[in-house]
Amino acid sequence: MEITVTGRKMTVSDALRSYVEEKIGSSVKVFDISPMSAEVVLRKEKNPSNPNPAIAEVTLYTKGHIIRTEEAEEDMYAAIDIAAAKVERQLRKYKTRVVDRRHHGKKLQEMIQENVVGSDAPPASVLPVLDEHVTTVGEDEARVVRIKEVDLIALNEEEALLQIDLLGHDFFMYSDATDGLVSVMYRRKDGSYGILKPSIETLDD
């Protein structure tokens, strides 16, 4: 598995790079999921009042899904340890809910294995942000500071639940595989989930 390690506003030593490759590699190799790649970003916050300035971000890319975690600790090695352990738990969840179901002939697993959702759908991209624009206006006006273009993935409700869980996000935008409508799944304060769908009105002739 390819593991890319980069530092953000810090230099990644050879010892630190080797430690990341060992810990992350050990966390994923037992699951035998292919193809898979990992991107690890290490950074340190410069705020002296922050008790946990060392941050390890880990993003795994697998078939049709991404798994992401970010952990902060006082020491970078400790942050890597905790991130690797969390990645292992997330991978176990992914394998249980997705990969193992192929042996039971589930349609979801066939779609993930083929890396398409529906015969007419484009490849299910896992890159959520294609482009980003920043717009600024006067200080006294309402303003749009960021526009993100999202590559929508055609998913059913179960797949969307899995993806938002693996990402750890509070919301996730996708295309409903049943009706084709743009939908937004969001995490509620009580831990449950809701879905926002557009209301389509038609005008009679």
N, C-alpha and C. Protein backbone atom coordinates (compact mmCIF):
# COMPACT_ATOMS: atom_id res chain seq x y z
N MET A 1 0.83 -1.18 0.00
CA MET A 1 0.00 0.00 0.00
C MET A 1 0.87 1.24 0.00
N GLU A 2 0.52 2.20 -0.81
CA GLU A 2 1.27 3.45 -0.90
C GLU A 2 0.87 4.38 0.25
N ILE A 3 1.86 4.86 0.99
CA ILE A 3 1.63 5.80 2.09
C ILE A 3 2.43 7.06 1.81
N THR A 4 1.74 8.19 1.67
CA THR A 4 2.39 9.47 1.44
C THR A 4 2.39 10.26 2.74
N VAL A 5 3.57 10.71 3.16
CA VAL A 5 3.70 11.45 4.42
C VAL A 5 4.23 12.85 4.11
N THR A 6 3.51 13.88 4.53
CA THR A 6 3.95 15.25 4.33
C THR A 6 3.82 16.04 5.62
N GLY A 7 4.59 17.10 5.74
CA GLY A 7 4.52 17.98 6.89
C GLY A 7 3.96 19.33 6.49
N ARG A 8 3.13 19.88 7.32
CA ARG A 8 2.56 21.21 7.07
C ARG A 8 3.19 22.18 8.06
N LYS A 9 4.01 23.06 7.53
CA LYS A 9 4.76 24.02 8.34
C LYS A 9 5.68 23.32 9.33
N MET A 10 6.15 22.17 8.96
CA MET A 10 7.13 21.45 9.77
C MET A 10 7.88 20.47 8.87
N THR A 11 9.08 20.12 9.29
CA THR A 11 9.89 19.16 8.56
C THR A 11 9.68 17.77 9.12
N VAL A 12 9.40 16.82 8.24
CA VAL A 12 9.20 15.43 8.66
C VAL A 12 10.54 14.71 8.60
N SER A 13 11.06 14.32 9.74
CA SER A 13 12.34 13.62 9.79
C SER A 13 12.20 12.21 9.25
N ASP A 14 13.30 11.59 8.90
CA ASP A 14 13.28 10.21 8.42
C ASP A 14 12.72 9.27 9.49
N ALA A 15 13.07 9.54 10.75
CA ALA A 15 12.58 8.69 11.85
C ALA A 15 11.07 8.81 11.99
N LEU A 16 10.55 10.02 11.87
CA LEU A 16 9.11 10.24 11.98
C LEU A 16 8.38 9.62 10.80
N ARG A 17 8.95 9.75 9.61
CA ARG A 17 8.34 9.15 8.42
C ARG A 17 8.29 7.63 8.55
N SER A 18 9.37 7.05 9.00
CA SER A 18 9.40 5.59 9.17
C SER A 18 8.38 5.14 10.21
N TYR A 19 8.21 5.94 11.27
CA TYR A 19 7.25 5.59 12.32
C TYR A 19 5.82 5.61 11.77
N VAL A 20 5.51 6.62 10.96
CA VAL A 20 4.19 6.70 10.35
C VAL A 20 3.95 5.48 9.47
N GLU A 21 4.91 5.17 8.61
CA GLU A 21 4.75 4.04 7.69
C GLU A 21 4.57 2.73 8.44
N GLU A 22 5.30 2.59 9.55
CA GLU A 22 5.18 1.35 10.35
C GLU A 22 3.82 1.26 11.03
N LYS A 23 3.38 2.34 11.69
CA LYS A 23 2.14 2.30 12.45
C LYS A 23 0.92 2.22 11.55
N ILE A 24 0.86 3.06 10.52
CA ILE A 24 -0.29 3.03 9.62
C ILE A 24 -0.30 1.75 8.81
N GLY A 25 0.88 1.33 8.36
CA GLY A 25 0.96 0.08 7.60
C GLY A 25 0.51 -1.12 8.41
N SER A 26 0.88 -1.15 9.68
CA SER A 26 0.47 -2.26 10.54
C SER A 26 -1.02 -2.25 10.80
N SER A 27 -1.62 -1.06 10.84
CA SER A 27 -3.05 -0.95 11.12
C SER A 27 -3.92 -1.44 9.97
N VAL A 28 -3.40 -1.34 8.75
CA VAL A 28 -4.24 -1.67 7.59
C VAL A 28 -3.92 -3.02 6.95
N LYS A 29 -2.72 -3.53 7.16
CA LYS A 29 -2.32 -4.71 6.40
C LYS A 29 -3.12 -5.96 6.77
N VAL A 30 -3.66 -6.01 7.99
CA VAL A 30 -4.39 -7.20 8.42
C VAL A 30 -5.75 -7.32 7.75
N PHE A 31 -6.23 -6.25 7.11
CA PHE A 31 -7.57 -6.28 6.52
C PHE A 31 -7.58 -6.73 5.07
N ASP A 32 -6.44 -6.75 4.41
CA ASP A 32 -6.32 -7.27 3.06
C ASP A 32 -7.37 -6.63 2.13
N ILE A 33 -7.42 -5.31 2.12
CA ILE A 33 -8.33 -4.56 1.26
C ILE A 33 -7.51 -3.88 0.17
N SER A 34 -7.84 -4.16 -1.08
CA SER A 34 -7.08 -3.61 -2.19
C SER A 34 -8.02 -3.19 -3.30
N PRO A 35 -7.72 -2.07 -3.99
CA PRO A 35 -6.59 -1.16 -3.77
C PRO A 35 -6.86 -0.21 -2.61
N MET A 36 -5.79 0.29 -2.03
CA MET A 36 -5.91 1.25 -0.94
C MET A 36 -4.64 2.10 -0.91
N SER A 37 -4.80 3.37 -0.63
CA SER A 37 -3.66 4.26 -0.46
C SER A 37 -3.93 5.16 0.73
N ALA A 38 -2.88 5.74 1.28
CA ALA A 38 -3.02 6.57 2.47
C ALA A 38 -2.23 7.86 2.31
N GLU A 39 -2.83 8.95 2.79
CA GLU A 39 -2.14 10.23 2.86
C GLU A 39 -2.10 10.66 4.32
N VAL A 40 -0.91 10.95 4.81
CA VAL A 40 -0.74 11.37 6.20
C VAL A 40 -0.12 12.77 6.22
N VAL A 41 -0.79 13.67 6.90
CA VAL A 41 -0.29 15.05 7.04
C VAL A 41 -0.01 15.31 8.51
N LEU A 42 1.21 15.73 8.80
CA LEU A 42 1.61 16.05 10.17
C LEU A 42 1.79 17.56 10.29
N ARG A 43 1.27 18.12 11.38
CA ARG A 43 1.45 19.56 11.57
C ARG A 43 1.47 19.87 13.06
N LYS A 44 2.02 21.04 13.39
CA LYS A 44 2.08 21.49 14.79
C LYS A 44 1.50 22.89 14.90
N GLU A 45 0.55 23.05 15.83
CA GLU A 45 -0.02 24.36 16.10
C GLU A 45 0.98 25.18 16.91
N LYS A 46 1.04 26.47 16.60
CA LYS A 46 2.02 27.34 17.27
C LYS A 46 1.42 28.09 18.46
N ASN A 47 0.15 27.85 18.74
CA ASN A 47 -0.49 28.53 19.88
C ASN A 47 0.08 27.95 21.18
N PRO A 48 0.78 28.75 21.97
CA PRO A 48 1.40 28.22 23.21
C PRO A 48 0.39 27.75 24.24
N SER A 49 -0.86 28.21 24.14
CA SER A 49 -1.87 27.80 25.12
C SER A 49 -2.53 26.47 24.75
N ASN A 50 -2.21 25.95 23.58
CA ASN A 50 -2.79 24.67 23.14
C ASN A 50 -2.03 23.51 23.78
N PRO A 51 -2.68 22.70 24.61
CA PRO A 51 -1.97 21.61 25.28
C PRO A 51 -1.65 20.44 24.36
N ASN A 52 -2.32 20.38 23.20
CA ASN A 52 -2.09 19.28 22.25
C ASN A 52 -1.78 19.85 20.87
N PRO A 53 -0.56 20.35 20.69
CA PRO A 53 -0.23 21.03 19.43
C PRO A 53 0.14 20.10 18.28
N ALA A 54 0.46 18.84 18.58
CA ALA A 54 0.88 17.89 17.54
C ALA A 54 -0.36 17.22 16.93
N ILE A 55 -0.53 17.36 15.62
CA ILE A 55 -1.73 16.87 14.94
C ILE A 55 -1.33 15.93 13.81
N ALA A 56 -1.97 14.77 13.78
CA ALA A 56 -1.77 13.78 12.70
C ALA A 56 -3.09 13.57 11.98
N GLU A 57 -3.11 13.87 10.68
CA GLU A 57 -4.29 13.65 9.84
C GLU A 57 -4.02 12.45 8.94
N VAL A 58 -4.93 11.50 8.94
CA VAL A 58 -4.78 10.30 8.12
C VAL A 58 -6.01 10.15 7.23
N THR A 59 -5.79 10.00 5.93
CA THR A 59 -6.88 9.78 4.98
C THR A 59 -6.58 8.54 4.18
N LEU A 60 -7.49 7.56 4.23
CA LEU A 60 -7.35 6.33 3.45
C LEU A 60 -8.32 6.38 2.28
N TYR A 61 -7.84 6.01 1.11
CA TYR A 61 -8.68 5.93 -0.08
C TYR A 61 -8.83 4.47 -0.48
N THR A 62 -10.07 4.00 -0.52
CA THR A 62 -10.34 2.65 -0.95
C THR A 62 -11.45 2.68 -1.97
N LYS A 63 -12.01 1.55 -2.33
CA LYS A 63 -12.98 1.50 -3.42
C LYS A 63 -14.27 2.23 -3.07
N GLY A 64 -14.45 3.41 -3.66
CA GLY A 64 -15.70 4.12 -3.49
C GLY A 64 -15.89 4.81 -2.17
N HIS A 65 -14.92 4.73 -1.24
CA HIS A 65 -15.07 5.35 0.07
C HIS A 65 -13.75 5.94 0.52
N ILE A 66 -13.82 6.90 1.41
CA ILE A 66 -12.63 7.41 2.07
C ILE A 66 -12.82 7.32 3.57
N ILE A 67 -11.73 7.07 4.26
CA ILE A 67 -11.73 6.96 5.72
C ILE A 67 -10.76 7.99 6.24
N ARG A 68 -11.23 8.85 7.15
CA ARG A 68 -10.39 9.96 7.59
C ARG A 68 -10.44 10.11 9.10
N THR A 69 -9.29 10.43 9.67
CA THR A 69 -9.24 10.72 11.10
C THR A 69 -8.20 11.80 11.34
N GLU A 70 -8.40 12.56 12.38
CA GLU A 70 -7.45 13.60 12.79
C GLU A 70 -7.34 13.56 14.30
N GLU A 71 -6.11 13.42 14.79
CA GLU A 71 -5.89 13.32 16.23
C GLU A 71 -4.83 14.32 16.67
N ALA A 72 -5.04 14.92 17.83
CA ALA A 72 -4.13 15.91 18.39
C ALA A 72 -3.64 15.45 19.75
N GLU A 73 -2.34 15.53 19.95
CA GLU A 73 -1.74 15.15 21.23
C GLU A 73 -0.58 16.09 21.54
N GLU A 74 -0.03 15.95 22.73
CA GLU A 74 1.11 16.78 23.12
C GLU A 74 2.35 16.42 22.31
N ASP A 75 2.48 15.14 21.99
CA ASP A 75 3.63 14.62 21.27
C ASP A 75 3.19 14.05 19.93
N MET A 76 3.97 14.26 18.86
CA MET A 76 3.58 13.80 17.53
C MET A 76 3.52 12.28 17.45
N TYR A 77 4.42 11.59 18.11
CA TYR A 77 4.38 10.13 18.09
C TYR A 77 3.10 9.60 18.73
N ALA A 78 2.67 10.25 19.80
CA ALA A 78 1.42 9.85 20.45
C ALA A 78 0.23 10.11 19.54
N ALA A 79 0.24 11.23 18.83
CA ALA A 79 -0.84 11.54 17.89
C ALA A 79 -0.91 10.49 16.79
N ILE A 80 0.24 10.06 16.30
CA ILE A 80 0.28 9.02 15.26
C ILE A 80 -0.26 7.71 15.81
N ASP A 81 0.11 7.37 17.04
CA ASP A 81 -0.38 6.12 17.65
C ASP A 81 -1.90 6.10 17.73
N ILE A 82 -2.49 7.19 18.20
CA ILE A 82 -3.94 7.25 18.37
C ILE A 82 -4.64 7.26 17.01
N ALA A 83 -4.07 7.99 16.05
CA ALA A 83 -4.66 8.02 14.70
C ALA A 83 -4.62 6.64 14.06
N ALA A 84 -3.52 5.92 14.23
CA ALA A 84 -3.41 4.58 13.66
C ALA A 84 -4.43 3.63 14.28
N ALA A 85 -4.63 3.74 15.60
CA ALA A 85 -5.61 2.89 16.28
C ALA A 85 -7.02 3.20 15.80
N LYS A 86 -7.32 4.47 15.60
CA LYS A 86 -8.66 4.84 15.14
C LYS A 86 -8.88 4.40 13.71
N VAL A 87 -7.86 4.51 12.87
CA VAL A 87 -7.95 4.03 11.49
C VAL A 87 -8.25 2.54 11.47
N GLU A 88 -7.61 1.79 12.35
CA GLU A 88 -7.86 0.35 12.41
C GLU A 88 -9.31 0.06 12.78
N ARG A 89 -9.87 0.81 13.72
CA ARG A 89 -11.28 0.61 14.09
C ARG A 89 -12.21 0.97 12.94
N GLN A 90 -11.90 2.05 12.24
CA GLN A 90 -12.72 2.46 11.11
C GLN A 90 -12.65 1.44 9.98
N LEU A 91 -11.47 0.90 9.75
CA LEU A 91 -11.32 -0.13 8.72
C LEU A 91 -12.08 -1.39 9.07
N ARG A 92 -12.09 -1.74 10.35
CA ARG A 92 -12.85 -2.92 10.77
C ARG A 92 -14.34 -2.71 10.51
N LYS A 93 -14.81 -1.50 10.78
CA LYS A 93 -16.21 -1.16 10.52
C LYS A 93 -16.49 -1.21 9.01
N TYR A 94 -15.59 -0.63 8.23
CA TYR A 94 -15.75 -0.63 6.77
C TYR A 94 -15.78 -2.05 6.22
N LYS A 95 -14.86 -2.89 6.68
CA LYS A 95 -14.79 -4.25 6.17
C LYS A 95 -16.02 -5.05 6.57
N THR A 96 -16.51 -4.85 7.79
CA THR A 96 -17.69 -5.58 8.26
C THR A 96 -18.93 -5.18 7.48
N ARG A 97 -19.10 -3.86 7.28
CA ARG A 97 -20.33 -3.36 6.67
C ARG A 97 -20.30 -3.35 5.15
N VAL A 98 -19.10 -3.45 4.56
CA VAL A 98 -19.01 -3.34 3.11
C VAL A 98 -18.35 -4.55 2.48
N VAL A 99 -17.08 -4.77 2.76
CA VAL A 99 -16.31 -5.77 2.04
C VAL A 99 -16.83 -7.18 2.26
N ASP A 100 -17.11 -7.54 3.51
CA ASP A 100 -17.53 -8.91 3.80
C ASP A 100 -18.87 -9.26 3.16
N ARG A 101 -19.68 -8.24 2.85
CA ARG A 101 -21.00 -8.53 2.29
C ARG A 101 -20.93 -9.04 0.86
N ARG A 102 -19.77 -8.88 0.21
CA ARG A 102 -19.70 -9.42 -1.15
C ARG A 102 -19.90 -10.92 -1.16
N HIS A 103 -19.52 -11.58 -0.11
CA HIS A 103 -19.66 -13.04 -0.05
C HIS A 103 -21.12 -13.46 0.07
N HIS A 104 -22.00 -12.54 0.37
CA HIS A 104 -23.42 -12.83 0.45
C HIS A 104 -24.19 -12.27 -0.73
N GLY A 105 -23.45 -11.79 -1.73
CA GLY A 105 -24.09 -11.33 -2.96
C GLY A 105 -24.87 -10.06 -2.84
N LYS A 106 -24.50 -9.18 -1.92
CA LYS A 106 -25.22 -7.94 -1.73
C LYS A 106 -24.96 -7.00 -2.91
N LYS A 107 -26.00 -6.30 -3.34
CA LYS A 107 -25.88 -5.37 -4.44
C LYS A 107 -24.90 -4.24 -4.12
N LEU A 108 -24.88 -3.80 -2.88
CA LEU A 108 -23.97 -2.74 -2.49
C LEU A 108 -22.54 -3.11 -2.76
N GLN A 109 -22.17 -4.35 -2.44
CA GLN A 109 -20.80 -4.77 -2.64
C GLN A 109 -20.46 -4.91 -4.11
N GLU A 110 -21.42 -5.31 -4.92
CA GLU A 110 -21.18 -5.39 -6.36
C GLU A 110 -20.91 -4.00 -6.92
N MET A 111 -21.62 -2.99 -6.43
CA MET A 111 -21.41 -1.64 -6.91
C MET A 111 -20.04 -1.13 -6.48
N ILE A 112 -19.65 -1.42 -5.24
CA ILE A 112 -18.35 -0.96 -4.78
C ILE A 112 -17.24 -1.67 -5.53
N GLN A 113 -17.40 -2.99 -5.78
CA GLN A 113 -16.38 -3.76 -6.46
C GLN A 113 -16.19 -3.26 -7.88
N GLU A 114 -17.27 -2.89 -8.55
CA GLU A 114 -17.19 -2.38 -9.91
C GLU A 114 -16.81 -0.91 -9.94
N ASN A 115 -16.84 -0.27 -8.75
CA ASN A 115 -16.54 1.15 -8.60
C ASN A 115 -17.48 2.04 -9.40
N VAL A 116 -18.72 1.56 -9.60
CA VAL A 116 -19.76 2.37 -10.21
C VAL A 116 -21.03 2.16 -9.44
N VAL A 117 -21.94 3.10 -9.53
CA VAL A 117 -23.25 2.97 -8.91
C VAL A 117 -24.27 3.10 -10.03
N GLY A 118 -24.78 1.96 -10.52
CA GLY A 118 -25.69 1.99 -11.66
C GLY A 118 -24.90 1.94 -12.95
N SER A 119 -25.43 1.32 -13.99
CA SER A 119 -24.71 1.12 -15.23
C SER A 119 -24.45 2.41 -15.97
N ASP A 120 -25.27 3.46 -15.74
CA ASP A 120 -25.11 4.70 -16.47
C ASP A 120 -24.39 5.77 -15.66
N ALA A 121 -23.97 5.43 -14.44
CA ALA A 121 -23.36 6.43 -13.59
C ALA A 121 -21.87 6.52 -13.86
N PRO A 122 -21.26 7.69 -13.63
CA PRO A 122 -19.81 7.82 -13.78
C PRO A 122 -19.12 7.16 -12.61
N PRO A 123 -17.79 6.94 -12.69
CA PRO A 123 -17.05 6.35 -11.57
C PRO A 123 -17.29 7.15 -10.31
N ALA A 124 -17.43 6.43 -9.20
CA ALA A 124 -17.74 7.08 -7.92
C ALA A 124 -16.49 7.71 -7.37
N SER A 125 -16.30 8.98 -7.61
CA SER A 125 -15.11 9.68 -7.16
C SER A 125 -15.17 9.88 -5.66
N VAL A 126 -14.01 9.82 -5.03
CA VAL A 126 -13.97 10.08 -3.58
C VAL A 126 -13.34 11.43 -3.29
N LEU A 127 -13.12 12.22 -4.32
CA LEU A 127 -12.56 13.54 -4.11
C LEU A 127 -13.69 14.55 -4.02
N PRO A 128 -14.02 15.04 -2.81
CA PRO A 128 -15.20 15.87 -2.67
C PRO A 128 -15.06 17.28 -3.22
N VAL A 129 -13.85 17.81 -3.25
CA VAL A 129 -13.67 19.19 -3.68
C VAL A 129 -12.90 19.23 -4.98
N LEU A 130 -13.53 19.72 -6.06
CA LEU A 130 -12.87 19.83 -7.35
C LEU A 130 -12.24 21.20 -7.54
N ASP A 131 -12.89 22.22 -7.04
CA ASP A 131 -12.39 23.57 -7.25
C ASP A 131 -12.85 24.42 -6.09
N GLU A 132 -12.13 25.50 -5.85
CA GLU A 132 -12.47 26.36 -4.74
C GLU A 132 -12.21 27.80 -5.13
N HIS A 133 -13.19 28.66 -4.92
CA HIS A 133 -13.06 30.07 -5.26
C HIS A 133 -13.30 30.88 -4.00
N VAL A 134 -12.57 31.96 -3.84
CA VAL A 134 -12.74 32.83 -2.69
C VAL A 134 -13.20 34.20 -3.18
N THR A 135 -14.27 34.72 -2.60
CA THR A 135 -14.81 36.00 -3.00
C THR A 135 -14.89 36.90 -1.78
N THR A 136 -14.41 38.13 -1.88
CA THR A 136 -14.48 39.06 -0.76
C THR A 136 -15.19 40.33 -1.20
N VAL A 137 -15.89 40.96 -0.27
CA VAL A 137 -16.59 42.21 -0.53
C VAL A 137 -16.34 43.14 0.64
N GLY A 138 -17.06 44.26 0.68
CA GLY A 138 -16.87 45.22 1.76
C GLY A 138 -17.18 44.62 3.12
N GLU A 139 -16.56 45.17 4.16
CA GLU A 139 -16.69 44.62 5.49
C GLU A 139 -18.12 44.70 6.02
N ASP A 140 -18.90 45.68 5.54
CA ASP A 140 -20.25 45.87 6.05
C ASP A 140 -21.29 45.06 5.29
N GLU A 141 -20.88 44.27 4.33
CA GLU A 141 -21.81 43.50 3.52
C GLU A 141 -21.71 42.02 3.86
N ALA A 142 -22.83 41.32 3.62
CA ALA A 142 -22.77 39.86 3.70
C ALA A 142 -21.85 39.37 2.60
N ARG A 143 -21.15 38.29 2.83
CA ARG A 143 -20.18 37.86 1.83
C ARG A 143 -20.09 36.36 1.74
N VAL A 144 -19.72 35.88 0.58
CA VAL A 144 -19.42 34.48 0.34
C VAL A 144 -17.91 34.35 0.32
N VAL A 145 -17.36 33.59 1.25
CA VAL A 145 -15.91 33.50 1.36
C VAL A 145 -15.35 32.26 0.70
N ARG A 146 -16.21 31.29 0.40
CA ARG A 146 -15.70 30.07 -0.22
C ARG A 146 -16.80 29.36 -0.98
N ILE A 147 -16.47 28.91 -2.18
CA ILE A 147 -17.39 28.10 -2.98
C ILE A 147 -16.69 26.78 -3.30
N LYS A 148 -17.34 25.70 -2.96
CA LYS A 148 -16.78 24.38 -3.24
C LYS A 148 -17.64 23.65 -4.25
N GLU A 149 -17.02 23.13 -5.29
CA GLU A 149 -17.72 22.32 -6.26
C GLU A 149 -17.59 20.86 -5.85
N VAL A 150 -18.72 20.18 -5.71
CA VAL A 150 -18.75 18.82 -5.19
C VAL A 150 -19.04 17.82 -6.30
N ASP A 151 -18.23 16.79 -6.38
CA ASP A 151 -18.47 15.70 -7.31
C ASP A 151 -19.43 14.73 -6.65
N LEU A 152 -20.71 14.78 -7.05
CA LEU A 152 -21.73 13.98 -6.38
C LEU A 152 -21.60 12.51 -6.70
N ILE A 153 -21.73 11.68 -5.67
CA ILE A 153 -21.69 10.23 -5.82
C ILE A 153 -23.11 9.69 -5.69
N ALA A 154 -23.50 8.80 -6.59
CA ALA A 154 -24.83 8.19 -6.51
C ALA A 154 -24.82 7.10 -5.45
N LEU A 155 -25.56 7.31 -4.36
CA LEU A 155 -25.58 6.38 -3.24
C LEU A 155 -27.01 6.17 -2.76
N ASN A 156 -27.25 5.01 -2.14
CA ASN A 156 -28.52 4.84 -1.46
C ASN A 156 -28.34 5.29 0.00
N GLU A 157 -29.39 5.21 0.79
CA GLU A 157 -29.34 5.73 2.15
C GLU A 157 -28.31 5.01 3.01
N GLU A 158 -28.22 3.69 2.86
CA GLU A 158 -27.27 2.91 3.66
C GLU A 158 -25.84 3.30 3.33
N GLU A 159 -25.55 3.47 2.03
CA GLU A 159 -24.21 3.84 1.61
C GLU A 159 -23.85 5.23 2.11
N ALA A 160 -24.81 6.16 2.06
CA ALA A 160 -24.56 7.51 2.55
C ALA A 160 -24.28 7.51 4.05
N LEU A 161 -25.00 6.68 4.80
CA LEU A 161 -24.76 6.56 6.24
C LEU A 161 -23.34 6.06 6.52
N LEU A 162 -22.91 5.08 5.74
CA LEU A 162 -21.57 4.55 5.92
C LEU A 162 -20.53 5.62 5.60
N GLN A 163 -20.73 6.36 4.50
CA GLN A 163 -19.74 7.33 4.08
C GLN A 163 -19.61 8.49 5.07
N ILE A 164 -20.72 9.00 5.58
CA ILE A 164 -20.64 10.11 6.53
C ILE A 164 -19.99 9.64 7.83
N ASP A 165 -20.21 8.38 8.19
CA ASP A 165 -19.61 7.81 9.39
C ASP A 165 -18.10 7.65 9.22
N LEU A 166 -17.68 7.16 8.05
CA LEU A 166 -16.25 6.97 7.79
C LEU A 166 -15.51 8.30 7.71
N LEU A 167 -16.18 9.30 7.15
CA LEU A 167 -15.55 10.62 7.04
C LEU A 167 -15.49 11.35 8.37
N GLY A 168 -16.47 11.07 9.24
CA GLY A 168 -16.55 11.79 10.49
C GLY A 168 -17.08 13.20 10.32
N HIS A 169 -17.79 13.45 9.22
CA HIS A 169 -18.34 14.78 8.96
C HIS A 169 -19.71 14.93 9.61
N ASP A 170 -20.14 16.19 9.73
CA ASP A 170 -21.48 16.46 10.25
C ASP A 170 -22.52 16.50 9.14
N PHE A 171 -22.07 16.59 7.88
CA PHE A 171 -23.01 16.54 6.76
C PHE A 171 -22.30 15.95 5.55
N PHE A 172 -23.08 15.43 4.61
CA PHE A 172 -22.52 14.80 3.42
C PHE A 172 -23.52 14.95 2.28
N MET A 173 -23.06 15.50 1.15
CA MET A 173 -23.92 15.72 -0.01
C MET A 173 -23.70 14.61 -1.03
N TYR A 174 -24.78 14.11 -1.60
CA TYR A 174 -24.68 13.02 -2.56
C TYR A 174 -25.90 13.04 -3.47
N SER A 175 -25.87 12.19 -4.49
CA SER A 175 -27.02 12.03 -5.39
C SER A 175 -27.74 10.75 -5.00
N ASP A 176 -29.04 10.86 -4.71
CA ASP A 176 -29.82 9.68 -4.31
C ASP A 176 -29.91 8.70 -5.47
N ALA A 177 -29.48 7.47 -5.24
CA ALA A 177 -29.44 6.47 -6.30
C ALA A 177 -30.84 6.07 -6.76
N THR A 178 -31.85 6.30 -5.94
CA THR A 178 -33.21 5.91 -6.29
C THR A 178 -33.92 6.95 -7.15
N ASP A 179 -33.87 8.21 -6.71
CA ASP A 179 -34.61 9.25 -7.43
C ASP A 179 -33.72 10.26 -8.15
N GLY A 180 -32.40 10.16 -7.96
CA GLY A 180 -31.48 11.05 -8.65
C GLY A 180 -31.41 12.46 -8.08
N LEU A 181 -32.12 12.74 -6.99
CA LEU A 181 -32.14 14.07 -6.41
C LEU A 181 -30.88 14.33 -5.57
N VAL A 182 -30.44 15.56 -5.59
CA VAL A 182 -29.34 15.95 -4.72
C VAL A 182 -29.83 15.93 -3.27
N SER A 183 -29.14 15.20 -2.41
CA SER A 183 -29.56 15.04 -1.03
C SER A 183 -28.40 15.38 -0.10
N VAL A 184 -28.74 15.83 1.08
CA VAL A 184 -27.73 16.14 2.10
C VAL A 184 -28.08 15.37 3.36
N MET A 185 -27.19 14.50 3.77
CA MET A 185 -27.36 13.80 5.05
C MET A 185 -26.61 14.58 6.12
N TYR A 186 -27.23 14.76 7.28
CA TYR A 186 -26.60 15.54 8.34
C TYR A 186 -26.76 14.84 9.68
N ARG A 187 -25.80 15.11 10.56
CA ARG A 187 -25.81 14.52 11.90
C ARG A 187 -26.58 15.43 12.85
N ARG A 188 -27.57 14.88 13.56
CA ARG A 188 -28.37 15.63 14.51
C ARG A 188 -27.68 15.67 15.87
N LYS A 189 -28.12 16.58 16.72
CA LYS A 189 -27.49 16.74 18.03
C LYS A 189 -27.60 15.49 18.89
N ASP A 190 -28.67 14.70 18.69
CA ASP A 190 -28.85 13.50 19.50
C ASP A 190 -28.09 12.30 18.94
N GLY A 191 -27.30 12.52 17.86
CA GLY A 191 -26.51 11.43 17.28
C GLY A 191 -27.19 10.71 16.14
N SER A 192 -28.48 10.98 15.93
CA SER A 192 -29.18 10.38 14.80
C SER A 192 -28.89 11.19 13.53
N TYR A 193 -29.48 10.79 12.42
CA TYR A 193 -29.20 11.45 11.15
C TYR A 193 -30.50 11.91 10.49
N GLY A 194 -30.40 12.97 9.71
CA GLY A 194 -31.51 13.45 8.92
C GLY A 194 -31.06 13.61 7.48
N ILE A 195 -32.02 13.73 6.56
CA ILE A 195 -31.71 13.92 5.14
C ILE A 195 -32.52 15.11 4.62
N LEU A 196 -31.84 16.00 3.94
CA LEU A 196 -32.49 17.12 3.28
C LEU A 196 -32.63 16.80 1.80
N LYS A 197 -33.84 16.98 1.27
CA LYS A 197 -34.11 16.73 -0.14
C LYS A 197 -34.85 17.93 -0.73
N PRO A 198 -34.61 18.25 -1.99
CA PRO A 198 -35.35 19.35 -2.61
C PRO A 198 -36.80 18.96 -2.86
N SER A 199 -37.70 19.94 -2.73
CA SER A 199 -39.09 19.72 -3.03
C SER A 199 -39.33 20.14 -4.47
N ILE A 200 -39.71 19.19 -5.31
CA ILE A 200 -39.86 19.45 -6.73
C ILE A 200 -41.33 19.74 -7.03
N GLU A 201 -41.58 20.94 -7.52
CA GLU A 201 -42.94 21.30 -7.89
C GLU A 201 -43.04 21.44 -9.41
N THR A 202 -44.12 20.94 -9.96
CA THR A 202 -44.32 21.02 -11.41
C THR A 202 -45.51 21.91 -11.69
N LEU A 203 -45.45 22.64 -12.80
CA LEU A 203 -46.53 23.51 -13.20
C LEU A 203 -47.38 22.82 -14.24
N ASP A 204 -48.69 22.77 -14.00
CA ASP A 204 -49.59 22.18 -14.99
C ASP A 204 -49.73 23.10 -16.19
N ASP A 205 -49.84 22.50 -17.38
CA ASP A 205 -50.03 23.29 -18.59
C ASP A 205 -51.41 23.95 -18.56
